[in-house]
Protein backbone atom coordinates (compact mmCIF):
# COMPACT_ATOMS: atom_id res chain seq x y z
CA MET A 1 12.42 -159.88 46.60
CA GLY A 2 11.79 -156.45 45.33
CA LYS A 3 14.16 -156.61 42.55
CA GLY A 4 12.77 -156.34 39.12
CA SER A 5 15.79 -157.94 37.66
CA PHE A 6 15.33 -161.05 39.79
CA LYS A 7 11.85 -162.03 38.75
CA TYR A 8 13.11 -164.06 35.80
CA ALA A 9 16.32 -165.41 37.48
CA TRP A 10 14.29 -166.84 40.26
CA VAL A 11 12.76 -169.51 37.81
CA LEU A 12 16.30 -170.87 37.26
CA ASP A 13 17.69 -170.51 40.66
CA LYS A 14 17.38 -173.63 42.46
CA LEU A 15 19.59 -173.41 45.60
CA LYS A 16 17.81 -172.31 48.77
CA ALA A 17 20.45 -169.69 49.30
CA GLU A 18 19.86 -168.18 45.95
CA ARG A 19 16.28 -167.70 46.34
CA GLU A 20 16.70 -166.49 49.98
CA ARG A 21 19.37 -163.86 49.11
CA GLY A 22 18.05 -162.89 45.57
CA ILE A 23 21.27 -163.61 43.80
CA THR A 24 22.46 -166.34 41.56
CA ILE A 25 25.27 -168.40 43.04
CA ASP A 26 25.70 -171.08 40.46
CA ILE A 27 25.13 -171.21 36.79
CA ALA A 28 21.80 -172.79 35.56
CA LEU A 29 20.77 -173.74 31.91
CA TRP A 30 17.36 -174.19 30.41
CA LYS A 31 17.10 -175.59 26.97
CA PHE A 32 14.09 -175.97 24.77
CA GLU A 33 13.27 -175.99 21.16
CA THR A 34 10.50 -174.29 18.95
CA ALA A 35 9.67 -175.46 15.49
CA LYS A 36 12.43 -173.39 14.01
CA TYR A 37 15.16 -172.73 16.89
CA TYR A 38 17.04 -174.60 19.58
CA VAL A 39 17.16 -172.05 22.54
CA THR A 40 19.52 -172.12 25.55
CA ILE A 41 18.92 -169.62 28.41
CA ILE A 42 21.87 -169.32 30.73
CA ASP A 43 21.49 -167.68 34.07
CA ALA A 44 25.03 -166.81 35.31
CA PRO A 45 26.17 -165.14 38.61
CA GLY A 46 26.97 -161.46 38.35
CA HIS A 47 27.75 -160.87 41.94
CA ARG A 48 31.51 -160.41 42.30
CA ASP A 49 31.63 -163.20 45.03
CA PHE A 50 30.67 -165.78 42.42
CA ILE A 51 32.58 -164.63 39.32
CA LYS A 52 34.53 -167.93 39.36
CA ASN A 53 31.30 -169.87 39.11
CA MET A 54 30.21 -167.70 36.12
CA ILE A 55 33.51 -168.21 34.34
CA THR A 56 33.67 -171.96 34.95
CA GLY A 57 30.07 -172.51 33.92
CA THR A 58 30.05 -170.31 30.83
CA SER A 59 33.33 -171.88 29.49
CA GLN A 60 32.07 -175.30 29.46
């Protein structure tokens, strides 16, 4: 993709359009735990066309 900021988002981007365009369209969550912590990684859209998806997903 040529975007340094996209290298980590690509792991959570599952939609074909997200990977082709190099932008996050829908929110994605990845949860895991360590011996001491519960961790949730959230990949939310930042592109102005998908702000509604970001607000809806992060408010749940």
